[in-house]
PDB file of N, CA and C in Angstrom:
ATOM      1  N   MET A   1      76.309 -42.481 -97.182  1.00  0.00           N
ATOM      2  CA  MET A   1      77.634 -42.519 -96.606  1.00  0.00           C
ATOM      3  C   MET A   1      78.259 -41.137 -96.780  1.00  0.00           C
ATOM      4  N   LEU A   2      79.069 -40.752 -95.798  1.00  0.00           N
ATOM      5  CA  LEU A   2      79.765 -39.472 -95.870  1.00  0.00           C
ATOM      6  C   LEU A   2      81.216 -39.678 -96.291  1.00  0.00           C
ATOM      7  N   PHE A   3      81.732 -38.686 -97.013  1.00  0.00           N
ATOM      8  CA  PHE A   3      83.117 -38.695 -97.465  1.00  0.00           C
ATOM      9  C   PHE A   3      83.739 -37.339 -97.160  1.00  0.00           C
ATOM     10  N   LEU A   4      84.998 -37.359 -96.779  1.00  0.00           N
ATOM     11  CA  LEU A   4      85.771 -36.145 -96.548  1.00  0.00           C
ATOM     12  C   LEU A   4      86.665 -35.918 -97.754  1.00  0.00           C
ATOM     13  N   ALA A   5      86.582 -34.724 -98.309  1.00  0.00           N
ATOM     14  CA  ALA A   5      87.451 -34.348 -99.430  1.00  0.00           C
ATOM     15  C   ALA A   5      88.365 -33.221 -98.968  1.00  0.00           C
ATOM     16  N   ILE A   6      89.667 -33.431 -99.110  1.00  0.00           N
ATOM     17  CA  ILE A   6      90.670 -32.431 -98.786  1.00  0.00           C
ATOM     18  C   ILE A   6      91.349 -32.058-100.089  1.00  0.00           C
ATOM     19  N   CYS A   7      91.191 -30.795-100.468  1.00  0.00           N
ATOM     20  CA  CYS A   7      91.715 -30.300-101.742  1.00  0.00           C
ATOM     21  C   CYS A   7      92.736 -29.210-101.442  1.00  0.00           C
ATOM     22  N   ARG A   8      93.972 -29.435-101.823  1.00  0.00           N
ATOM     23  CA  ARG A   8      95.037 -28.466-101.545  1.00  0.00           C
ATOM     24  C   ARG A   8      95.332 -27.653-102.800  1.00  0.00           C
ATOM     25  N   ASP A   9      95.343 -26.328-102.623  1.00  0.00           N
ATOM     26  CA  ASP A   9      95.608 -25.430-103.752  1.00  0.00           C
ATOM     27  C   ASP A   9      97.058 -25.533-104.213  1.00  0.00           C
ATOM     28  N   LYS A  10      97.270 -25.276-105.488  1.00  0.00           N
ATOM     29  CA  LYS A  10      98.621 -25.143-106.010  1.00  0.00           C
ATOM     30  C   LYS A  10      99.241 -23.886-105.410  1.00  0.00           C
ATOM     31  N   PRO A  11     100.545 -23.892-105.178  1.00  0.00           N
ATOM     32  CA  PRO A  11     101.194 -22.677-104.668  1.00  0.00           C
ATOM     33  C   PRO A  11     100.962 -21.505-105.626  1.00  0.00           C
ATOM     34  N   GLY A  12     100.727 -20.344-105.060  1.00  0.00           N
ATOM     35  CA  GLY A  12     100.562 -19.136-105.867  1.00  0.00           C
ATOM     36  C   GLY A  12      99.244 -19.043-106.605  1.00  0.00           C
ATOM     37  N   ALA A  13      98.246 -19.815-106.199  1.00  0.00           N
ATOM     38  CA  ALA A  13      96.976 -19.852-106.930  1.00  0.00           C
ATOM     39  C   ALA A  13      95.882 -18.999-106.291  1.00  0.00           C
ATOM     40  N   THR A  14      96.260 -18.062-105.437  1.00  0.00           N
ATOM     41  CA  THR A  14      95.268 -17.253-104.729  1.00  0.00           C
ATOM     42  C   THR A  14      94.372 -16.486-105.692  1.00  0.00           C
ATOM     43  N   GLN A  15      94.944 -15.894-106.732  1.00  0.00           N
ATOM     44  CA  GLN A  15      94.140 -15.130-107.686  1.00  0.00           C
ATOM     45  C   GLN A  15      93.234 -16.037-108.506  1.00  0.00           C
ATOM     46  N   LEU A  16      93.741 -17.207-108.893  1.00  0.00           N
ATOM     47  CA  LEU A  16      92.918 -18.168-109.622  1.00  0.00           C
ATOM     48  C   LEU A  16      91.702 -18.568-108.777  1.00  0.00           C
ATOM     49  N   ARG A  17      91.916 -18.795-107.488  1.00  0.00           N
ATOM     50  CA  ARG A  17      90.813 -19.124-106.589  1.00  0.00           C
ATOM     51  C   ARG A  17      89.807 -17.983-106.547  1.00  0.00           C
ATOM     52  N   ALA A  18      90.286 -16.767-106.380  1.00  0.00           N
ATOM     53  CA  ALA A  18      89.391 -15.609-106.303  1.00  0.00           C
ATOM     54  C   ALA A  18      88.600 -15.441-107.593  1.00  0.00           C
ATOM     55  N   ASP A  19      89.257 -15.613-108.727  1.00  0.00           N
ATOM     56  CA  ASP A  19      88.594 -15.443-110.024  1.00  0.00           C
ATOM     57  C   ASP A  19      87.524 -16.507-110.260  1.00  0.00           C
ATOM     58  N   THR A  20      87.735 -17.694-109.730  1.00  0.00           N
ATOM     59  CA  THR A  20      86.846 -18.834-109.963  1.00  0.00           C
ATOM     60  C   THR A  20      85.768 -18.960-108.889  1.00  0.00           C
ATOM     61  N   ARG A  21      85.909 -18.246-107.798  1.00  0.00           N
ATOM     62  CA  ARG A  21      85.018 -18.403-106.641  1.00  0.00           C
ATOM     63  C   ARG A  21      83.531 -18.231-106.976  1.00  0.00           C
ATOM     64  N   PRO A  22      83.112 -17.232-107.758  1.00  0.00           N
ATOM     65  CA  PRO A  22      81.674 -17.127-108.052  1.00  0.00           C
ATOM     66  C   PRO A  22      81.104 -18.388-108.721  1.00  0.00           C
ATOM     67  N   ASP A  23      81.838 -18.963-109.656  1.00  0.00           N
ATOM     68  CA  ASP A  23      81.380 -20.192-110.315  1.00  0.00           C
ATOM     69  C   ASP A  23      81.376 -21.365-109.331  1.00  0.00           C
ATOM     70  N   HIS A  24      82.370 -21.403-108.448  1.00  0.00           N
ATOM     71  CA  HIS A  24      82.432 -22.460-107.430  1.00  0.00           C
ATOM     72  C   HIS A  24      81.227 -22.369-106.489  1.00  0.00           C
ATOM     73  N   LEU A  25      80.883 -21.160-106.050  1.00  0.00           N
ATOM     74  CA  LEU A  25      79.744 -20.988-105.155  1.00  0.00           C
ATOM     75  C   LEU A  25      78.436 -21.375-105.841  1.00  0.00           C
ATOM     76  N   ALA A  26      78.314 -21.077-107.129  1.00  0.00           N
ATOM     77  CA  ALA A  26      77.123 -21.487-107.893  1.00  0.00           C
ATOM     78  C   ALA A  26      77.062 -23.011-107.992  1.00  0.00           C
ATOM     79  N   TRP A  27      78.201 -23.654-108.185  1.00  0.00           N
ATOM     80  CA  TRP A  27      78.258 -25.116-108.222  1.00  0.00           C
ATOM     81  C   TRP A  27      77.811 -25.710-106.888  1.00  0.00           C
ATOM     82  N   LEU A  28      78.277 -25.127-105.787  1.00  0.00           N
ATOM     83  CA  LEU A  28      77.861 -25.591-104.466  1.00  0.00           C
ATOM     84  C   LEU A  28      76.349 -25.474-104.296  1.00  0.00           C
ATOM     85  N   GLU A  29      75.778 -24.389-104.772  1.00  0.00           N
ATOM     86  CA  GLU A  29      74.333 -24.190-104.688  1.00  0.00           C
ATOM     87  C   GLU A  29      73.601 -25.276-105.482  1.00  0.00           C
ATOM     88  N   ARG A  30      74.093 -25.588-106.666  1.00  0.00           N
ATOM     89  CA  ARG A  30      73.468 -26.629-107.496  1.00  0.00           C
ATOM     90  C   ARG A  30      73.605 -28.018-106.877  1.00  0.00           C
ATOM     91  N   ALA A  31      74.660 -28.226-106.087  1.00  0.00           N
ATOM     92  CA  ALA A  31      74.885 -29.531-105.463  1.00  0.00           C
ATOM     93  C   ALA A  31      73.837 -29.834-104.396  1.00  0.00           C
ATOM     94  N   GLY A  32      73.115 -28.828-103.959  1.00  0.00           N
ATOM     95  CA  GLY A  32      72.059 -29.026-102.975  1.00  0.00           C
ATOM     96  C   GLY A  32      72.589 -29.560-101.664  1.00  0.00           C
ATOM     97  N   ASP A  33      71.844 -30.480-101.068  1.00  0.00           N
ATOM     98  CA  ASP A  33      72.251 -30.967 -99.756  1.00  0.00           C
ATOM     99  C   ASP A  33      73.239 -32.125 -99.828  1.00  0.00           C
ATOM    100  N   ARG A  34      73.772 -32.403-101.002  1.00  0.00           N
ATOM    101  CA  ARG A  34      74.821 -33.409-101.153  1.00  0.00           C
ATOM    102  C   ARG A  34      76.100 -32.968-100.416  1.00  0.00           C
ATOM    103  N   ILE A  35      76.374 -31.650-100.460  1.00  0.00           N
ATOM    104  CA  ILE A  35      77.519 -31.095 -99.736  1.00  0.00           C
ATOM    105  C   ILE A  35      77.025 -30.733 -98.341  1.00  0.00           C
ATOM    106  N   LYS A  36      77.486 -31.454 -97.349  1.00  0.00           N
ATOM    107  CA  LYS A  36      77.010 -31.279 -95.979  1.00  0.00           C
ATOM    108  C   LYS A  36      77.729 -30.155 -95.242  1.00  0.00           C
ATOM    109  N   LEU A  37      78.982 -29.951 -95.570  1.00  0.00           N
ATOM    110  CA  LEU A  37      79.808 -28.973 -94.871  1.00  0.00           C
ATOM    111  C   LEU A  37      81.005 -28.678 -95.744  1.00  0.00           C
ATOM    112  N   GLY A  38      81.476 -27.467 -95.717  1.00  0.00           N
ATOM    113  CA  GLY A  38      82.660 -27.154 -96.500  1.00  0.00           C
ATOM    114  C   GLY A  38      83.193 -25.776 -96.202  1.00  0.00           C
ATOM    115  N   GLY A  39      84.406 -25.547 -96.648  1.00  0.00           N
ATOM    116  CA  GLY A  39      85.029 -24.247 -96.493  1.00  0.00           C
ATOM    117  C   GLY A  39      86.508 -24.335 -96.803  1.00  0.00           C
ATOM    118  N   PRO A  40      87.161 -23.172 -96.858  1.00  0.00           N
ATOM    119  CA  PRO A  40      88.577 -23.145 -97.215  1.00  0.00           C
ATOM    120  C   PRO A  40      89.495 -23.395 -96.026  1.00  0.00           C
ATOM    121  N   PHE A  41      90.629 -24.013 -96.305  1.00  0.00           N
ATOM    122  CA  PHE A  41      91.748 -24.016 -95.367  1.00  0.00           C
ATOM    123  C   PHE A  41      92.411 -22.650 -95.498  1.00  0.00           C
ATOM    124  N   LEU A  42      92.970 -22.154 -94.418  1.00  0.00           N
ATOM    125  CA  LEU A  42      93.596 -20.835 -94.441  1.00  0.00           C
ATOM    126  C   LEU A  42      95.074 -20.931 -94.092  1.00  0.00           C
ATOM    127  N   ALA A  43      95.838 -20.002 -94.651  1.00  0.00           N
ATOM    128  CA  ALA A  43      97.255 -19.892 -94.330  1.00  0.00           C
ATOM    129  C   ALA A  43      97.403 -19.369 -92.898  1.00  0.00           C
ATOM    130  N   ASP A  44      98.624 -19.290 -92.432  1.00  0.00           N
ATOM    131  CA  ASP A  44      98.890 -18.854 -91.065  1.00  0.00           C
ATOM    132  C   ASP A  44      98.370 -17.456 -90.762  1.00  0.00           C
ATOM    133  N   ASP A  45      98.167 -16.634 -91.804  1.00  0.00           N
ATOM    134  CA  ASP A  45      97.624 -15.296 -91.569  1.00  0.00           C
ATOM    135  C   ASP A  45      96.122 -15.324 -91.278  1.00  0.00           C
ATOM    136  N   ALA A  46      95.513 -16.508 -91.335  1.00  0.00           N
ATOM    137  CA  ALA A  46      94.083 -16.738 -91.076  1.00  0.00           C
ATOM    138  C   ALA A  46      93.178 -15.994 -92.049  1.00  0.00           C
ATOM    139  N   GLU A  47      93.721 -15.632 -93.207  1.00  0.00           N
ATOM    140  CA  GLU A  47      92.936 -14.939 -94.234  1.00  0.00           C
ATOM    141  C   GLU A  47      93.106 -15.531 -95.622  1.00  0.00           C
ATOM    142  N   THR A  48      94.313 -15.920 -95.971  1.00  0.00           N
ATOM    143  CA  THR A  48      94.609 -16.385 -97.319  1.00  0.00           C
ATOM    144  C   THR A  48      94.196 -17.844 -97.492  1.00  0.00           C
ATOM    145  N   PRO A  49      93.227 -18.121 -98.400  1.00  0.00           N
ATOM    146  CA  PRO A  49      92.838 -19.511 -98.636  1.00  0.00           C
ATOM    147  C   PRO A  49      93.983 -20.307 -99.255  1.00  0.00           C
ATOM    148  N   LYS A  50      94.076 -21.572 -98.847  1.00  0.00           N
ATOM    149  CA  LYS A  50      95.119 -22.429 -99.424  1.00  0.00           C
ATOM    150  C   LYS A  50      94.620 -23.827 -99.733  1.00  0.00           C
ATOM    151  N   GLY A  51      93.309 -24.009 -99.678  1.00  0.00           N
ATOM    152  CA  GLY A  51      92.725 -25.308 -99.987  1.00  0.00           C
ATOM    153  C   GLY A  51      91.271 -25.326 -99.573  1.00  0.00           C
ATOM    154  N   SER A  52      90.640 -26.470 -99.761  1.00  0.00           N
ATOM    155  CA  SER A  52      89.231 -26.628 -99.423  1.00  0.00           C
ATOM    156  C   SER A  52      89.006 -27.950 -98.721  1.00  0.00           C
ATOM    157  N   MET A  53      87.965 -27.982 -97.880  1.00  0.00           N
ATOM    158  CA  MET A  53      87.517 -29.196 -97.229  1.00  0.00           C
ATOM    159  C   MET A  53      86.018 -29.289 -97.456  1.00  0.00           C
ATOM    160  N   LEU A  54      85.570 -30.456 -97.883  1.00  0.00           N
ATOM    161  CA  LEU A  54      84.146 -30.701 -98.081  1.00  0.00           C
ATOM    162  C   LEU A  54      83.768 -32.030 -97.451  1.00  0.00           C
ATOM    163  N   ILE A  55      82.599 -32.083 -96.850  1.00  0.00           N
ATOM    164  CA  ILE A  55      82.008 -33.342 -96.448  1.00  0.00           C
ATOM    165  C   ILE A  55      80.847 -33.569 -97.410  1.00  0.00           C
ATOM    166  N   VAL A  56      80.924 -34.679 -98.144  1.00  0.00           N
ATOM    167  CA  VAL A  56      79.991 -34.976 -99.225  1.00  0.00           C
ATOM    168  C   VAL A  56      79.234 -36.254 -98.888  1.00  0.00           C
ATOM    169  N   GLU A  57      77.926 -36.212 -99.087  1.00  0.00           N
ATOM    170  CA  GLU A  57      77.126 -37.427 -98.918  1.00  0.00           C
ATOM    171  C   GLU A  57      76.927 -38.067-100.286  1.00  0.00           C
ATOM    172  N   ALA A  58      77.250 -39.348-100.381  1.00  0.00           N
ATOM    173  CA  ALA A  58      77.146 -40.060-101.652  1.00  0.00           C
ATOM    174  C   ALA A  58      77.073 -41.552-101.379  1.00  0.00           C
ATOM    175  N   GLU A  59      76.701 -42.295-102.404  1.00  0.00           N
ATOM    176  CA  GLU A  59      76.610 -43.751-102.297  1.00  0.00           C
ATOM    177  C   GLU A  59      77.969 -44.435-102.421  1.00  0.00           C
ATOM    178  N   SER A  60      78.913 -43.770-103.114  1.00  0.00           N
ATOM    179  CA  SER A  60      80.198 -44.415-103.374  1.00  0.00           C
ATOM    180  C   SER A  60      81.292 -43.378-103.576  1.00  0.00           C
ATOM    181  N   LEU A  61      82.520 -43.850-103.476  1.00  0.00           N
ATOM    182  CA  LEU A  61      83.681 -43.020-103.749  1.00  0.00           C
ATOM    183  C   LEU A  61      83.657 -42.513-105.182  1.00  0.00           C
ATOM    184  N   ASP A  62      83.263 -43.352-106.120  1.00  0.00           N
ATOM    185  CA  ASP A  62      83.186 -42.933-107.523  1.00  0.00           C
ATOM    186  C   ASP A  62      82.189 -41.795-107.713  1.00  0.00           C
ATOM    187  N   GLU A  63      81.075 -41.837-106.974  1.00  0.00           N
ATOM    188  CA  GLU A  63      80.087 -40.767-107.060  1.00  0.00           C
ATOM    189  C   GLU A  63      80.672 -39.445-106.549  1.00  0.00           C
ATOM    190  N   VAL A  64      81.452 -39.503-105.490  1.00  0.00           N
ATOM    191  CA  VAL A  64      82.103 -38.294-104.970  1.00  0.00           C
ATOM    192  C   VAL A  64      83.117 -37.768-105.979  1.00  0.00           C
ATOM    193  N   ARG A  65      83.899 -38.658-106.539  1.00  0.00           N
ATOM    194  CA  ARG A  65      84.889 -38.236-107.549  1.00  0.00           C
ATOM    195  C   ARG A  65      84.195 -37.532-108.724  1.00  0.00           C
ATOM    196  N   ALA A  66      83.088 -38.086-109.180  1.00  0.00           N
ATOM    197  CA  ALA A  66      82.352 -37.475-110.290  1.00  0.00           C
ATOM    198  C   ALA A  66      81.802 -36.107-109.891  1.00  0.00           C
ATOM    199  N   CYS A  67      81.282 -36.022-108.687  1.00  0.00           N
ATOM    200  CA  CYS A  67      80.755 -34.747-108.192  1.00  0.00           C
ATOM    201  C   CYS A  67      81.862 -33.687-108.158  1.00  0.00           C
ATOM    202  N   LEU A  68      82.992 -34.023-107.562  1.00  0.00           N
ATOM    203  CA  LEU A  68      84.081 -33.056-107.421  1.00  0.00           C
ATOM    204  C   LEU A  68      84.729 -32.707-108.756  1.00  0.00           C
ATOM    205  N   ALA A  69      84.655 -33.598-109.711  1.00  0.00           N
ATOM    206  CA  ALA A  69      85.211 -33.317-111.040  1.00  0.00           C
ATOM    207  C   ALA A  69      84.460 -32.180-111.725  1.00  0.00           C
ATOM    208  N   ASP A  70      83.203 -31.943-111.315  1.00  0.00           N
ATOM    209  CA  ASP A  70      82.408 -30.858-111.890  1.00  0.00           C
ATOM    210  C   ASP A  70      82.655 -29.507-111.223  1.00  0.00           C
ATOM    211  N   ASP A  71      83.394 -29.489-110.121  1.00  0.00           N
ATOM    212  CA  ASP A  71      83.679 -28.248-109.406  1.00  0.00           C
ATOM    213  C   ASP A  71      84.493 -27.315-110.312  1.00  0.00           C
ATOM    214  N   PRO A  72      84.056 -26.073-110.490  1.00  0.00           N
ATOM    215  CA  PRO A  72      84.827 -25.123-111.287  1.00  0.00           C
ATOM    216  C   PRO A  72      86.268 -24.943-110.803  1.00  0.00           C
ATOM    217  N   TYR A  73      86.505 -25.100-109.506  1.00  0.00           N
ATOM    218  CA  TYR A  73      87.889 -25.048-109.024  1.00  0.00           C
ATOM    219  C   TYR A  73      88.716 -26.158-109.668  1.00  0.00           C
ATOM    220  N   ALA A  74      88.153 -27.350-109.774  1.00  0.00           N
ATOM    221  CA  ALA A  74      88.858 -28.464-110.407  1.00  0.00           C
ATOM    222  C   ALA A  74      89.075 -28.182-111.896  1.00  0.00           C
ATOM    223  N   HIS A  75      88.043 -27.671-112.567  1.00  0.00           N
ATOM    224  CA  HIS A  75      88.163 -27.339-113.999  1.00  0.00           C
ATOM    225  C   HIS A  75      89.243 -26.293-114.244  1.00  0.00           C
ATOM    226  N   ALA A  76      89.396 -25.356-113.307  1.00  0.00           N
ATOM    227  CA  ALA A  76      90.374 -24.276-113.456  1.00  0.00           C
ATOM    228  C   ALA A  76      91.790 -24.732-113.138  1.00  0.00           C
ATOM    229  N   GLY A  77      91.943 -25.939-112.600  1.00  0.00           N
ATOM    230  CA  GLY A  77      93.274 -26.429-112.251  1.00  0.00           C
ATOM    231  C   GLY A  77      93.800 -25.848-110.942  1.00  0.00           C
ATOM    232  N   LEU A  78      92.906 -25.455-110.048  1.00  0.00           N
ATOM    233  CA  LEU A  78      93.309 -24.837-108.782  1.00  0.00           C
ATOM    234  C   LEU A  78      94.035 -25.806-107.862  1.00  0.00           C
ATOM    235  N   PHE A  79      93.623 -27.057-107.845  1.00  0.00           N
ATOM    236  CA  PHE A  79      94.112 -27.972-106.831  1.00  0.00           C
ATOM    237  C   PHE A  79      95.401 -28.681-107.228  1.00  0.00           C
ATOM    238  N   GLU A  80      96.334 -28.687-106.297  1.00  0.00           N
ATOM    239  CA  GLU A  80      97.567 -29.455-106.465  1.00  0.00           C
ATOM    240  C   GLU A  80      97.276 -30.940-106.279  1.00  0.00           C
ATOM    241  N   ASN A  81      96.415 -31.245-105.308  1.00  0.00           N
ATOM    242  CA  ASN A  81      95.990 -32.627-105.096  1.00  0.00           C
ATOM    243  C   ASN A  81      94.684 -32.631-104.322  1.00  0.00           C
ATOM    244  N   THR A  82      93.989 -33.741-104.443  1.00  0.00           N
ATOM    245  CA  THR A  82      92.716 -33.942-103.755  1.00  0.00           C
ATOM    246  C   THR A  82      92.720 -35.334-103.146  1.00  0.00           C
ATOM    247  N   GLU A  83      92.361 -35.401-101.883  1.00  0.00           N
ATOM    248  CA  GLU A  83      92.260 -36.684-101.184  1.00  0.00           C
ATOM    249  C   GLU A  83      90.810 -36.859-100.743  1.00  0.00           C
ATOM    250  N   ILE A  84      90.237 -38.001-101.038  1.00  0.00           N
ATOM    251  CA  ILE A  84      88.860 -38.310-100.670  1.00  0.00           C
ATOM    252  C   ILE A  84      88.865 -39.604 -99.877  1.00  0.00           C
ATOM    253  N   MET A  85      88.168 -39.600 -98.743  1.00  0.00           N
ATOM    254  CA  MET A  85      88.111 -40.810 -97.926  1.00  0.00           C
ATOM    255  C   MET A  85      86.761 -40.921 -97.243  1.00  0.00           C
ATOM    256  N   PRO A  86      86.288 -42.135 -96.996  1.00  0.00           N
ATOM    257  CA  PRO A  86      85.063 -42.298 -96.223  1.00  0.00           C
ATOM    258  C   PRO A  86      85.251 -41.674 -94.841  1.00  0.00           C
ATOM    259  N   TRP A  87      84.150 -41.115 -94.329  1.00  0.00           N
ATOM    260  CA  TRP A  87      84.202 -40.424 -93.035  1.00  0.00           C
ATOM    261  C   TRP A  87      82.951 -40.761 -92.252  1.00  0.00           C
ATOM    262  N   ARG A  88      83.104 -40.915 -90.943  1.00  0.00           N
ATOM    263  CA  ARG A  88      81.975 -41.242 -90.094  1.00  0.00           C
ATOM    264  C   ARG A  88      81.791 -40.150 -89.045  1.00  0.00           C
ATOM    265  N   TYR A  89      80.576 -39.632 -88.973  1.00  0.00           N
ATOM    266  CA  TYR A  89      80.215 -38.663 -87.946  1.00  0.00           C
ATOM    267  C   TYR A  89      80.170 -39.379 -86.592  1.00  0.00           C
ATOM    268  N   VAL A  90      80.824 -38.795 -85.569  1.00  0.00           N
ATOM    269  CA  VAL A  90      80.811 -39.379 -84.236  1.00  0.00           C
ATOM    270  C   VAL A  90      80.414 -38.346 -83.188  1.00  0.00           C
ATOM    271  N   VAL A  91      80.970 -37.143 -83.271  1.00  0.00           N
ATOM    272  CA  VAL A  91      80.769 -36.166 -82.205  1.00  0.00           C
ATOM    273  C   VAL A  91      80.656 -34.766 -82.796  1.00  0.00           C
ATOM    274  N   GLY A  92      79.938 -33.912 -82.105  1.00  0.00           N
ATOM    275  CA  GLY A  92      79.781 -32.532 -82.521  1.00  0.00           C
ATOM    276  C   GLY A  92      78.351 -32.253 -82.954  1.00  0.00           C
ATOM    277  N   THR A  93      78.147 -31.088 -83.489  1.00  0.00           N
ATOM    278  CA  THR A  93      76.826 -30.708 -83.970  1.00  0.00           C
ATOM    279  C   THR A  93      76.422 -31.643 -85.097  1.00  0.00           C
ATOM    280  N   GLU A  94      75.262 -32.213 -85.000  1.00  0.00           N
ATOM    281  CA  GLU A  94      74.813 -33.163 -86.008  1.00  0.00           C
ATOM    282  C   GLU A  94      74.631 -32.454 -87.353  1.00  0.00           C
ATOM    283  N   LEU A  95      75.079 -33.093 -88.410  1.00  0.00           N
ATOM    284  CA  LEU A  95      74.995 -32.509 -89.746  1.00  0.00           C
ATOM    285  C   LEU A  95      73.622 -32.731 -90.307  1.00  0.00           C
TER     286      LEU A  95
END
């Protein structure tokens, strides 16, 4: 099953994100093909990150929560909030 995770950064956390990014990218690499798609949300300037979106394959919502709890961004306290919901692929490039 696929899940959509929307993680919104705390205001003013741009430097925290930048400082934590290498560890976050290493975590993504370790996650293997569990993370199907992901990337940052951007501010209106189309450059400044302000959150993250991930599509995660897992058996359950609890499994996704456990996976995301290991993200260095989460450990660093980057996110103001995180929303996770089941998601169904319907259209577009197949994942």
